[in-house]
Amino acid sequence: MTGWGVWVGVAVLAGGTYLLRVAGPMLRTRVEVSPRTAAVLDRAAIVLLVGVALTGALFDGPDLIGWARPAGVAAGVLAALCKAPLVLVVVIAAGVAAGLRAVGVA
């Protein structure tokens, strides 16, 4: 892709994103969503975020990652569930992953 192609792609994506963002408030009074549909949409957003997080935690490109990163993520999740501050959650997750890598667990 040439330089112009990249800029055209960026402009099209930016315009589409802007139109979608504007469409929400404009259509809010005209389109009514059932409570069941709203609940499904809420769950769909959560499922999408969890899927992205798991993909980042378990894969490095097309290959499965070793055990250190998933163990660090699990330790961070456990710390978050115990209501630890965000800085501590990140330090615990990184510490567990680094510790496992230091002892030879990939």
PDB file of N, CA and C in Angstrom:
ATOM      1  N   MET A   1       0.847  -1.180   0.000  1.00  0.00           N
ATOM      2  CA  MET A   1       0.000   0.000   0.000  1.00  0.00           C
ATOM      3  C   MET A   1       0.887   1.236   0.000  1.00  0.00           C
ATOM      4  N   THR A   2       0.592   2.154  -0.843  1.00  0.00           N
ATOM      5  CA  THR A   2       1.393   3.377  -0.921  1.00  0.00           C
ATOM      6  C   THR A   2       0.997   4.343   0.181  1.00  0.00           C
ATOM      7  N   GLY A   3       1.716   5.424   0.261  1.00  0.00           N
ATOM      8  CA  GLY A   3       1.432   6.425   1.285  1.00  0.00           C
ATOM      9  C   GLY A   3       0.028   6.984   1.188  1.00  0.00           C
ATOM     10  N   TRP A   4      -0.457   7.233  -0.035  1.00  0.00           N
ATOM     11  CA  TRP A   4      -1.804   7.773  -0.198  1.00  0.00           C
ATOM     12  C   TRP A   4      -2.852   6.756   0.215  1.00  0.00           C
ATOM     13  N   GLY A   5      -2.612   5.496  -0.075  1.00  0.00           N
ATOM     14  CA  GLY A   5      -3.575   4.456   0.296  1.00  0.00           C
ATOM     15  C   GLY A   5      -3.774   4.375   1.799  1.00  0.00           C
ATOM     16  N   VAL A   6      -2.691   4.528   2.539  1.00  0.00           N
ATOM     17  CA  VAL A   6      -2.782   4.506   4.004  1.00  0.00           C
ATOM     18  C   VAL A   6      -3.620   5.680   4.490  1.00  0.00           C
ATOM     19  N   TRP A   7      -3.361   6.866   3.945  1.00  0.00           N
ATOM     20  CA  TRP A   7      -4.100   8.052   4.388  1.00  0.00           C
ATOM     21  C   TRP A   7      -5.575   7.971   4.016  1.00  0.00           C
ATOM     22  N   VAL A   8      -5.871   7.406   2.867  1.00  0.00           N
ATOM     23  CA  VAL A   8      -7.277   7.231   2.479  1.00  0.00           C
ATOM     24  C   VAL A   8      -7.950   6.247   3.438  1.00  0.00           C
ATOM     25  N   GLY A   9      -7.262   5.174   3.765  1.00  0.00           N
ATOM     26  CA  GLY A   9      -7.807   4.206   4.721  1.00  0.00           C
ATOM     27  C   GLY A   9      -8.058   4.818   6.088  1.00  0.00           C
ATOM     28  N   VAL A  10      -7.110   5.609   6.551  1.00  0.00           N
ATOM     29  CA  VAL A  10      -7.272   6.288   7.844  1.00  0.00           C
ATOM     30  C   VAL A  10      -8.457   7.248   7.796  1.00  0.00           C
ATOM     31  N   ALA A  11      -8.591   7.996   6.701  1.00  0.00           N
ATOM     32  CA  ALA A  11      -9.697   8.949   6.576  1.00  0.00           C
ATOM     33  C   ALA A  11     -11.040   8.237   6.534  1.00  0.00           C
ATOM     34  N   VAL A  12     -11.125   7.129   5.814  1.00  0.00           N
ATOM     35  CA  VAL A  12     -12.386   6.380   5.735  1.00  0.00           C
ATOM     36  C   VAL A  12     -12.747   5.814   7.101  1.00  0.00           C
ATOM     37  N   LEU A  13     -11.783   5.223   7.796  1.00  0.00           N
ATOM     38  CA  LEU A  13     -12.056   4.686   9.135  1.00  0.00           C
ATOM     39  C   LEU A  13     -12.443   5.789  10.116  1.00  0.00           C
ATOM     40  N   ALA A  14     -11.763   6.930  10.046  1.00  0.00           N
ATOM     41  CA  ALA A  14     -12.093   8.039  10.938  1.00  0.00           C
ATOM     42  C   ALA A  14     -13.500   8.548  10.665  1.00  0.00           C
ATOM     43  N   GLY A  15     -13.844   8.705   9.382  1.00  0.00           N
ATOM     44  CA  GLY A  15     -15.192   9.176   9.049  1.00  0.00           C
ATOM     45  C   GLY A  15     -16.268   8.189   9.478  1.00  0.00           C
ATOM     46  N   GLY A  16     -16.030   6.905   9.247  1.00  0.00           N
ATOM     47  CA  GLY A  16     -17.000   5.895   9.660  1.00  0.00           C
ATOM     48  C   GLY A  16     -17.172   5.845  11.163  1.00  0.00           C
ATOM     49  N   THR A  17     -16.063   5.958  11.885  1.00  0.00           N
ATOM     50  CA  THR A  17     -16.133   5.967  13.346  1.00  0.00           C
ATOM     51  C   THR A  17     -16.916   7.176  13.843  1.00  0.00           C
ATOM     52  N   TYR A  18     -16.651   8.327  13.258  1.00  0.00           N
ATOM     53  CA  TYR A  18     -17.359   9.539  13.653  1.00  0.00           C
ATOM     54  C   TYR A  18     -18.856   9.398  13.383  1.00  0.00           C
ATOM     55  N   LEU A  19     -19.223   8.877  12.209  1.00  0.00           N
ATOM     56  CA  LEU A  19     -20.641   8.709  11.880  1.00  0.00           C
ATOM     57  C   LEU A  19     -21.337   7.737  12.840  1.00  0.00           C
ATOM     58  N   LEU A  20     -20.657   6.672  13.214  1.00  0.00           N
ATOM     59  CA  LEU A  20     -21.248   5.745  14.180  1.00  0.00           C
ATOM     60  C   LEU A  20     -21.430   6.401  15.546  1.00  0.00           C
ATOM     61  N   ARG A  21     -20.459   7.196  15.954  1.00  0.00           N
ATOM     62  CA  ARG A  21     -20.562   7.879  17.248  1.00  0.00           C
ATOM     63  C   ARG A  21     -21.698   8.900  17.253  1.00  0.00           C
ATOM     64  N   VAL A  22     -21.914   9.579  16.141  1.00  0.00           N
ATOM     65  CA  VAL A  22     -22.974  10.576  16.041  1.00  0.00           C
ATOM     66  C   VAL A  22     -24.338   9.902  15.917  1.00  0.00           C
ATOM     67  N   ALA A  23     -24.376   8.737  15.283  1.00  0.00           N
ATOM     68  CA  ALA A  23     -25.657   8.052  15.058  1.00  0.00           C
ATOM     69  C   ALA A  23     -26.317   7.630  16.363  1.00  0.00           C
ATOM     70  N   GLY A  24     -25.545   7.294  17.371  1.00  0.00           N
ATOM     71  CA  GLY A  24     -26.117   6.861  18.651  1.00  0.00           C
ATOM     72  C   GLY A  24     -27.056   7.891  19.262  1.00  0.00           C
ATOM     73  N   PRO A  25     -26.561   9.083  19.570  1.00  0.00           N
ATOM     74  CA  PRO A  25     -27.450  10.091  20.151  1.00  0.00           C
ATOM     75  C   PRO A  25     -28.590  10.520  19.218  1.00  0.00           C
ATOM     76  N   MET A  26     -28.333  10.516  17.915  1.00  0.00           N
ATOM     77  CA  MET A  26     -29.379  10.943  16.982  1.00  0.00           C
ATOM     78  C   MET A  26     -30.523   9.928  16.897  1.00  0.00           C
ATOM     79  N   LEU A  27     -30.184   8.660  17.015  1.00  0.00           N
ATOM     80  CA  LEU A  27     -31.208   7.618  16.880  1.00  0.00           C
ATOM     81  C   LEU A  27     -31.802   7.179  18.214  1.00  0.00           C
ATOM     82  N   ARG A  28     -31.272   7.664  19.313  1.00  0.00           N
ATOM     83  CA  ARG A  28     -31.735   7.234  20.630  1.00  0.00           C
ATOM     84  C   ARG A  28     -33.233   7.488  20.834  1.00  0.00           C
ATOM     85  N   THR A  29     -33.728   8.607  20.333  1.00  0.00           N
ATOM     86  CA  THR A  29     -35.145   8.931  20.526  1.00  0.00           C
ATOM     87  C   THR A  29     -36.034   8.262  19.485  1.00  0.00           C
ATOM     88  N   ARG A  30     -35.455   7.773  18.392  1.00  0.00           N
ATOM     89  CA  ARG A  30     -36.257   7.187  17.318  1.00  0.00           C
ATOM     90  C   ARG A  30     -36.327   5.671  17.371  1.00  0.00           C
ATOM     91  N   VAL A  31     -35.315   5.032  17.910  1.00  0.00           N
ATOM     92  CA  VAL A  31     -35.256   3.571  17.934  1.00  0.00           C
ATOM     93  C   VAL A  31     -35.345   3.120  19.381  1.00  0.00           C
ATOM     94  N   GLU A  32     -36.252   2.185  19.637  1.00  0.00           N
ATOM     95  CA  GLU A  32     -36.411   1.664  20.986  1.00  0.00           C
ATOM     96  C   GLU A  32     -35.921   0.218  21.017  1.00  0.00           C
ATOM     97  N   VAL A  33     -35.056  -0.076  21.957  1.00  0.00           N
ATOM     98  CA  VAL A  33     -34.479  -1.403  22.087  1.00  0.00           C
ATOM     99  C   VAL A  33     -35.135  -2.092  23.276  1.00  0.00           C
ATOM    100  N   SER A  34     -35.506  -3.351  23.085  1.00  0.00           N
ATOM    101  CA  SER A  34     -36.150  -4.095  24.168  1.00  0.00           C
ATOM    102  C   SER A  34     -35.142  -4.348  25.291  1.00  0.00           C
ATOM    103  N   PRO A  35     -35.623  -4.552  26.504  1.00  0.00           N
ATOM    104  CA  PRO A  35     -34.704  -4.833  27.617  1.00  0.00           C
ATOM    105  C   PRO A  35     -33.861  -6.091  27.373  1.00  0.00           C
ATOM    106  N   ARG A  36     -34.440  -7.078  26.725  1.00  0.00           N
ATOM    107  CA  ARG A  36     -33.697  -8.308  26.438  1.00  0.00           C
ATOM    108  C   ARG A  36     -32.549  -8.022  25.460  1.00  0.00           C
ATOM    109  N   THR A  37     -32.806  -7.227  24.435  1.00  0.00           N
ATOM    110  CA  THR A  37     -31.764  -6.868  23.474  1.00  0.00           C
ATOM    111  C   THR A  37     -30.677  -6.042  24.151  1.00  0.00           C
ATOM    112  N   ALA A  38     -31.053  -5.137  25.016  1.00  0.00           N
ATOM    113  CA  ALA A  38     -30.062  -4.332  25.740  1.00  0.00           C
ATOM    114  C   ALA A  38     -29.180  -5.227  26.611  1.00  0.00           C
ATOM    115  N   ALA A  39     -29.779  -6.230  27.266  1.00  0.00           N
ATOM    116  CA  ALA A  39     -29.001  -7.152  28.092  1.00  0.00           C
ATOM    117  C   ALA A  39     -28.036  -7.971  27.243  1.00  0.00           C
ATOM    118  N   VAL A  40     -28.493  -8.423  26.083  1.00  0.00           N
ATOM    119  CA  VAL A  40     -27.620  -9.189  25.191  1.00  0.00           C
ATOM    120  C   VAL A  40     -26.461  -8.322  24.698  1.00  0.00           C
ATOM    121  N   LEU A  41     -26.727  -7.073  24.354  1.00  0.00           N
ATOM    122  CA  LEU A  41     -25.665  -6.180  23.904  1.00  0.00           C
ATOM    123  C   LEU A  41     -24.645  -5.911  25.009  1.00  0.00           C
ATOM    124  N   ASP A  42     -25.122  -5.767  26.252  1.00  0.00           N
ATOM    125  CA  ASP A  42     -24.204  -5.582  27.375  1.00  0.00           C
ATOM    126  C   ASP A  42     -23.306  -6.802  27.535  1.00  0.00           C
ATOM    127  N   ARG A  43     -23.892  -7.980  27.465  1.00  0.00           N
ATOM    128  CA  ARG A  43     -23.105  -9.214  27.588  1.00  0.00           C
ATOM    129  C   ARG A  43     -22.142  -9.371  26.422  1.00  0.00           C
ATOM    130  N   ALA A  44     -22.565  -8.982  25.229  1.00  0.00           N
ATOM    131  CA  ALA A  44     -21.706  -9.111  24.061  1.00  0.00           C
ATOM    132  C   ALA A  44     -20.449  -8.256  24.212  1.00  0.00           C
ATOM    133  N   ALA A  45     -20.593  -7.066  24.773  1.00  0.00           N
ATOM    134  CA  ALA A  45     -19.421  -6.210  24.982  1.00  0.00           C
ATOM    135  C   ALA A  45     -18.453  -6.854  25.973  1.00  0.00           C
ATOM    136  N   ILE A  46     -18.983  -7.465  27.021  1.00  0.00           N
ATOM    137  CA  ILE A  46     -18.128  -8.125  28.014  1.00  0.00           C
ATOM    138  C   ILE A  46     -17.418  -9.318  27.389  1.00  0.00           C
ATOM    139  N   VAL A  47     -18.149 -10.114  26.616  1.00  0.00           N
ATOM    140  CA  VAL A  47     -17.550 -11.281  25.965  1.00  0.00           C
ATOM    141  C   VAL A  47     -16.443 -10.850  25.006  1.00  0.00           C
ATOM    142  N   LEU A  48     -16.663  -9.779  24.278  1.00  0.00           N
ATOM    143  CA  LEU A  48     -15.643  -9.284  23.352  1.00  0.00           C
ATOM    144  C   LEU A  48     -14.387  -8.853  24.099  1.00  0.00           C
ATOM    145  N   LEU A  49     -14.542  -8.127  25.196  1.00  0.00           N
ATOM    146  CA  LEU A  49     -13.381  -7.688  25.968  1.00  0.00           C
ATOM    147  C   LEU A  49     -12.630  -8.865  26.579  1.00  0.00           C
ATOM    148  N   VAL A  50     -13.352  -9.859  27.088  1.00  0.00           N
ATOM    149  CA  VAL A  50     -12.702 -11.037  27.660  1.00  0.00           C
ATOM    150  C   VAL A  50     -11.960 -11.808  26.565  1.00  0.00           C
ATOM    151  N   GLY A  51     -12.562 -11.903  25.387  1.00  0.00           N
ATOM    152  CA  GLY A  51     -11.899 -12.590  24.281  1.00  0.00           C
ATOM    153  C   GLY A  51     -10.605 -11.919  23.875  1.00  0.00           C
ATOM    154  N   VAL A  52     -10.610 -10.603  23.820  1.00  0.00           N
ATOM    155  CA  VAL A  52      -9.393  -9.869  23.469  1.00  0.00           C
ATOM    156  C   VAL A  52      -8.337 -10.046  24.560  1.00  0.00           C
ATOM    157  N   ALA A  53      -8.754  -9.995  25.811  1.00  0.00           N
ATOM    158  CA  ALA A  53      -7.808 -10.164  26.912  1.00  0.00           C
ATOM    159  C   ALA A  53      -7.203 -11.570  26.919  1.00  0.00           C
ATOM    160  N   LEU A  54      -8.019 -12.582  26.697  1.00  0.00           N
ATOM    161  CA  LEU A  54      -7.504 -13.951  26.678  1.00  0.00           C
ATOM    162  C   LEU A  54      -6.579 -14.196  25.501  1.00  0.00           C
ATOM    163  N   THR A  55      -6.909 -13.624  24.365  1.00  0.00           N
ATOM    164  CA  THR A  55      -6.035 -13.766  23.204  1.00  0.00           C
ATOM    165  C   THR A  55      -4.669 -13.152  23.489  1.00  0.00           C
ATOM    166  N   GLY A  56      -4.656 -11.994  24.107  1.00  0.00           N
ATOM    167  CA  GLY A  56      -3.388 -11.362  24.461  1.00  0.00           C
ATOM    168  C   GLY A  56      -2.628 -12.107  25.536  1.00  0.00           C
ATOM    169  N   ALA A  57      -3.353 -12.789  26.425  1.00  0.00           N
ATOM    170  CA  ALA A  57      -2.706 -13.503  27.522  1.00  0.00           C
ATOM    171  C   ALA A  57      -2.193 -14.880  27.106  1.00  0.00           C
ATOM    172  N   LEU A  58      -2.816 -15.505  26.110  1.00  0.00           N
ATOM    173  CA  LEU A  58      -2.481 -16.886  25.780  1.00  0.00           C
ATOM    174  C   LEU A  58      -1.715 -17.066  24.479  1.00  0.00           C
ATOM    175  N   PHE A  59      -1.697 -16.070  23.607  1.00  0.00           N
ATOM    176  CA  PHE A  59      -1.071 -16.232  22.302  1.00  0.00           C
ATOM    177  C   PHE A  59      -0.029 -15.158  22.046  1.00  0.00           C
ATOM    178  N   ASP A  60       1.013 -15.558  21.336  1.00  0.00           N
ATOM    179  CA  ASP A  60       2.011 -14.626  20.825  1.00  0.00           C
ATOM    180  C   ASP A  60       2.061 -14.861  19.324  1.00  0.00           C
ATOM    181  N   GLY A  61       1.319 -14.063  18.586  1.00  0.00           N
ATOM    182  CA  GLY A  61       1.139 -14.320  17.157  1.00  0.00           C
ATOM    183  C   GLY A  61       0.271 -15.566  17.003  1.00  0.00           C
ATOM    184  N   PRO A  62       0.657 -16.476  16.143  1.00  0.00           N
ATOM    185  CA  PRO A  62      -0.151 -17.677  15.954  1.00  0.00           C
ATOM    186  C   PRO A  62       0.171 -18.787  16.962  1.00  0.00           C
ATOM    187  N   ASP A  63       1.205 -18.597  17.790  1.00  0.00           N
ATOM    188  CA  ASP A  63       1.662 -19.643  18.696  1.00  0.00           C
ATOM    189  C   ASP A  63       1.145 -19.428  20.113  1.00  0.00           C
ATOM    190  N   LEU A  64       0.913 -20.562  20.796  1.00  0.00           N
ATOM    191  CA  LEU A  64       0.568 -20.470  22.213  1.00  0.00           C
ATOM    192  C   LEU A  64       1.773 -19.983  22.998  1.00  0.00           C
ATOM    193  N   ILE A  65       1.513 -19.168  23.987  1.00  0.00           N
ATOM    194  CA  ILE A  65       2.571 -18.638  24.838  1.00  0.00           C
ATOM    195  C   ILE A  65       2.823 -19.662  25.939  1.00  0.00           C
ATOM    196  N   GLY A  66       3.938 -19.557  26.641  1.00  0.00           N
ATOM    197  CA  GLY A  66       4.234 -20.493  27.728  1.00  0.00           C
ATOM    198  C   GLY A  66       3.322 -20.287  28.926  1.00  0.00           C
ATOM    199  N   TRP A  67       3.716 -20.826  30.053  1.00  0.00           N
ATOM    200  CA  TRP A  67       2.880 -20.776  31.256  1.00  0.00           C
ATOM    201  C   TRP A  67       3.079 -19.525  32.096  1.00  0.00           C
ATOM    202  N   ALA A  68       4.176 -18.814  31.907  1.00  0.00           N
ATOM    203  CA  ALA A  68       4.486 -17.680  32.784  1.00  0.00           C
ATOM    204  C   ALA A  68       3.478 -16.550  32.624  1.00  0.00           C
ATOM    205  N   ARG A  69       3.162 -16.157  31.399  1.00  0.00           N
ATOM    206  CA  ARG A  69       2.230 -15.041  31.189  1.00  0.00           C
ATOM    207  C   ARG A  69       0.818 -15.373  31.677  1.00  0.00           C
ATOM    208  N   PRO A  70       0.255 -16.545  31.316  1.00  0.00           N
ATOM    209  CA  PRO A  70      -1.083 -16.859  31.848  1.00  0.00           C
ATOM    210  C   PRO A  70      -1.119 -16.935  33.380  1.00  0.00           C
ATOM    211  N   ALA A  71      -0.042 -17.430  33.981  1.00  0.00           N
ATOM    212  CA  ALA A  71       0.004 -17.474  35.445  1.00  0.00           C
ATOM    213  C   ALA A  71       0.037 -16.057  36.015  1.00  0.00           C
ATOM    214  N   GLY A  72       0.782 -15.166  35.377  1.00  0.00           N
ATOM    215  CA  GLY A  72       0.806 -13.770  35.824  1.00  0.00           C
ATOM    216  C   GLY A  72      -0.544 -13.108  35.680  1.00  0.00           C
ATOM    217  N   VAL A  73      -1.214 -13.369  34.565  1.00  0.00           N
ATOM    218  CA  VAL A  73      -2.563 -12.816  34.365  1.00  0.00           C
ATOM    219  C   VAL A  73      -3.518 -13.359  35.426  1.00  0.00           C
ATOM    220  N   ALA A  74      -3.436 -14.661  35.702  1.00  0.00           N
ATOM    221  CA  ALA A  74      -4.309 -15.260  36.720  1.00  0.00           C
ATOM    222  C   ALA A  74      -4.044 -14.646  38.093  1.00  0.00           C
ATOM    223  N   ALA A  75      -2.771 -14.422  38.420  1.00  0.00           N
ATOM    224  CA  ALA A  75      -2.443 -13.789  39.703  1.00  0.00           C
ATOM    225  C   ALA A  75      -2.981 -12.364  39.755  1.00  0.00           C
ATOM    226  N   GLY A  76      -2.890 -11.652  38.638  1.00  0.00           N
ATOM    227  CA  GLY A  76      -3.439 -10.295  38.595  1.00  0.00           C
ATOM    228  C   GLY A  76      -4.947 -10.273  38.747  1.00  0.00           C
ATOM    229  N   VAL A  77      -5.618 -11.218  38.098  1.00  0.00           N
ATOM    230  CA  VAL A  77      -7.077 -11.307  38.228  1.00  0.00           C
ATOM    231  C   VAL A  77      -7.457 -11.617  39.662  1.00  0.00           C
ATOM    232  N   LEU A  78      -6.729 -12.541  40.289  1.00  0.00           N
ATOM    233  CA  LEU A  78      -7.013 -12.886  41.686  1.00  0.00           C
ATOM    234  C   LEU A  78      -6.805 -11.672  42.595  1.00  0.00           C
ATOM    235  N   ALA A  79      -5.738 -10.914  42.346  1.00  0.00           N
ATOM    236  CA  ALA A  79      -5.503  -9.707  43.145  1.00  0.00           C
ATOM    237  C   ALA A  79      -6.606  -8.676  42.924  1.00  0.00           C
ATOM    238  N   ALA A  80      -7.083  -8.558  41.685  1.00  0.00           N
ATOM    239  CA  ALA A  80      -8.171  -7.611  41.405  1.00  0.00           C
ATOM    240  C   ALA A  80      -9.459  -8.047  42.084  1.00  0.00           C
ATOM    241  N   LEU A  81      -9.718  -9.343  42.101  1.00  0.00           N
ATOM    242  CA  LEU A  81     -10.924  -9.842  42.777  1.00  0.00           C
ATOM    243  C   LEU A  81     -10.858  -9.617  44.284  1.00  0.00           C
ATOM    244  N   CYS A  82      -9.639  -9.565  44.809  1.00  0.00           N
ATOM    245  CA  CYS A  82      -9.454  -9.280  46.239  1.00  0.00           C
ATOM    246  C   CYS A  82      -9.431  -7.775  46.521  1.00  0.00           C
ATOM    247  N   LYS A  83      -9.793  -6.976  45.518  1.00  0.00           N
ATOM    248  CA  LYS A  83      -9.906  -5.518  45.631  1.00  0.00           C
ATOM    249  C   LYS A  83      -8.574  -4.827  45.900  1.00  0.00           C
ATOM    250  N   ALA A  84      -7.494  -5.367  45.342  1.00  0.00           N
ATOM    251  CA  ALA A  84      -6.191  -4.713  45.466  1.00  0.00           C
ATOM    252  C   ALA A  84      -6.165  -3.482  44.555  1.00  0.00           C
ATOM    253  N   PRO A  85      -5.384  -2.478  44.912  1.00  0.00           N
ATOM    254  CA  PRO A  85      -5.255  -1.305  44.036  1.00  0.00           C
ATOM    255  C   PRO A  85      -4.646  -1.712  42.688  1.00  0.00           C
ATOM    256  N   LEU A  86      -4.968  -0.943  41.657  1.00  0.00           N
ATOM    257  CA  LEU A  86      -4.541  -1.286  40.298  1.00  0.00           C
ATOM    258  C   LEU A  86      -3.027  -1.411  40.191  1.00  0.00           C
ATOM    259  N   VAL A  87      -2.285  -0.521  40.825  1.00  0.00           N
ATOM    260  CA  VAL A  87      -0.825  -0.584  40.760  1.00  0.00           C
ATOM    261  C   VAL A  87      -0.330  -1.904  41.340  1.00  0.00           C
ATOM    262  N   LEU A  88      -0.929  -2.331  42.446  1.00  0.00           N
ATOM    263  CA  LEU A  88      -0.537  -3.590  43.070  1.00  0.00           C
ATOM    264  C   LEU A  88      -0.917  -4.785  42.188  1.00  0.00           C
ATOM    265  N   VAL A  89      -2.057  -4.713  41.529  1.00  0.00           N
ATOM    266  CA  VAL A  89      -2.471  -5.781  40.620  1.00  0.00           C
ATOM    267  C   VAL A  89      -1.434  -5.945  39.509  1.00  0.00           C
ATOM    268  N   VAL A  90      -1.003  -4.839  38.926  1.00  0.00           N
ATOM    269  CA  VAL A  90      -0.020  -4.890  37.840  1.00  0.00           C
ATOM    270  C   VAL A  90       1.314  -5.409  38.360  1.00  0.00           C
ATOM    271  N   VAL A  91       1.749  -4.960  39.533  1.00  0.00           N
ATOM    272  CA  VAL A  91       3.023  -5.408  40.104  1.00  0.00           C
ATOM    273  C   VAL A  91       2.971  -6.904  40.413  1.00  0.00           C
ATOM    274  N   ILE A  92       1.870  -7.384  40.965  1.00  0.00           N
ATOM    275  CA  ILE A  92       1.731  -8.815  41.269  1.00  0.00           C
ATOM    276  C   ILE A  92       1.767  -9.640  39.986  1.00  0.00           C
ATOM    277  N   ALA A  93       1.015  -9.216  38.982  1.00  0.00           N
ATOM    278  CA  ALA A  93       0.989  -9.967  37.723  1.00  0.00           C
ATOM    279  C   ALA A  93       2.375 -10.005  37.085  1.00  0.00           C
ATOM    280  N   ALA A  94       3.033  -8.872  37.014  1.00  0.00           N
ATOM    281  CA  ALA A  94       4.369  -8.826  36.415  1.00  0.00           C
ATOM    282  C   ALA A  94       5.368  -9.614  37.254  1.00  0.00           C
ATOM    283  N   GLY A  95       5.251  -9.521  38.566  1.00  0.00           N
ATOM    284  CA  GLY A  95       6.166 -10.247  39.454  1.00  0.00           C
ATOM    285  C   GLY A  95       6.038 -11.750  39.325  1.00  0.00           C
ATOM    286  N   VAL A  96       4.809 -12.241  39.243  1.00  0.00           N
ATOM    287  CA  VAL A  96       4.598 -13.681  39.085  1.00  0.00           C
ATOM    288  C   VAL A  96       5.158 -14.155  37.747  1.00  0.00           C
ATOM    289  N   ALA A  97       4.869 -13.425  36.686  1.00  0.00           N
ATOM    290  CA  ALA A  97       5.374 -13.824  35.368  1.00  0.00           C
ATOM    291  C   ALA A  97       6.899 -13.760  35.330  1.00  0.00           C
ATOM    292  N   ALA A  98       7.484 -12.708  35.872  1.00  0.00           N
ATOM    293  CA  ALA A  98       8.943 -12.584  35.872  1.00  0.00           C
ATOM    294  C   ALA A  98       9.591 -13.644  36.758  1.00  0.00           C
ATOM    295  N   GLY A  99       8.972 -13.910  37.888  1.00  0.00           N
ATOM    296  CA  GLY A  99       9.502 -14.945  38.776  1.00  0.00           C
ATOM    297  C   GLY A  99       9.496 -16.321  38.136  1.00  0.00           C
ATOM    298  N   LEU A 100       8.406 -16.651  37.456  1.00  0.00           N
ATOM    299  CA  LEU A 100       8.350 -17.943  36.782  1.00  0.00           C
ATOM    300  C   LEU A 100       9.359 -18.034  35.656  1.00  0.00           C
ATOM    301  N   ARG A 101       9.544 -16.950  34.926  1.00  0.00           N
ATOM    302  CA  ARG A 101      10.548 -16.952  33.848  1.00  0.00           C
ATOM    303  C   ARG A 101      11.961 -17.051  34.424  1.00  0.00           C
ATOM    304  N   ALA A 102      12.190 -16.463  35.609  1.00  0.00           N
ATOM    305  CA  ALA A 102      13.509 -16.507  36.228  1.00  0.00           C
ATOM    306  C   ALA A 102      13.879 -17.924  36.664  1.00  0.00           C
ATOM    307  N   VAL A 103      12.882 -18.725  37.032  1.00  0.00           N
ATOM    308  CA  VAL A 103      13.174 -20.099  37.458  1.00  0.00           C
ATOM    309  C   VAL A 103      13.100 -21.087  36.299  1.00  0.00           C
ATOM    310  N   GLY A 104      12.870 -20.570  35.084  1.00  0.00           N
ATOM    311  CA  GLY A 104      12.937 -21.435  33.918  1.00  0.00           C
ATOM    312  C   GLY A 104      11.609 -21.847  33.314  1.00  0.00           C
ATOM    313  N   VAL A 105      10.505 -21.364  33.862  1.00  0.00           N
ATOM    314  CA  VAL A 105       9.192 -21.664  33.279  1.00  0.00           C
ATOM    315  C   VAL A 105       8.951 -20.668  32.171  1.00  0.00           C
ATOM    316  N   ALA A 106       8.759 -21.179  30.969  1.00  0.00           N
ATOM    317  CA  ALA A 106       8.627 -20.276  29.825  1.00  0.00           C
ATOM    318  C   ALA A 106       7.282 -19.635  29.757  1.00  0.00           C
TER     319      ALA A 106
END
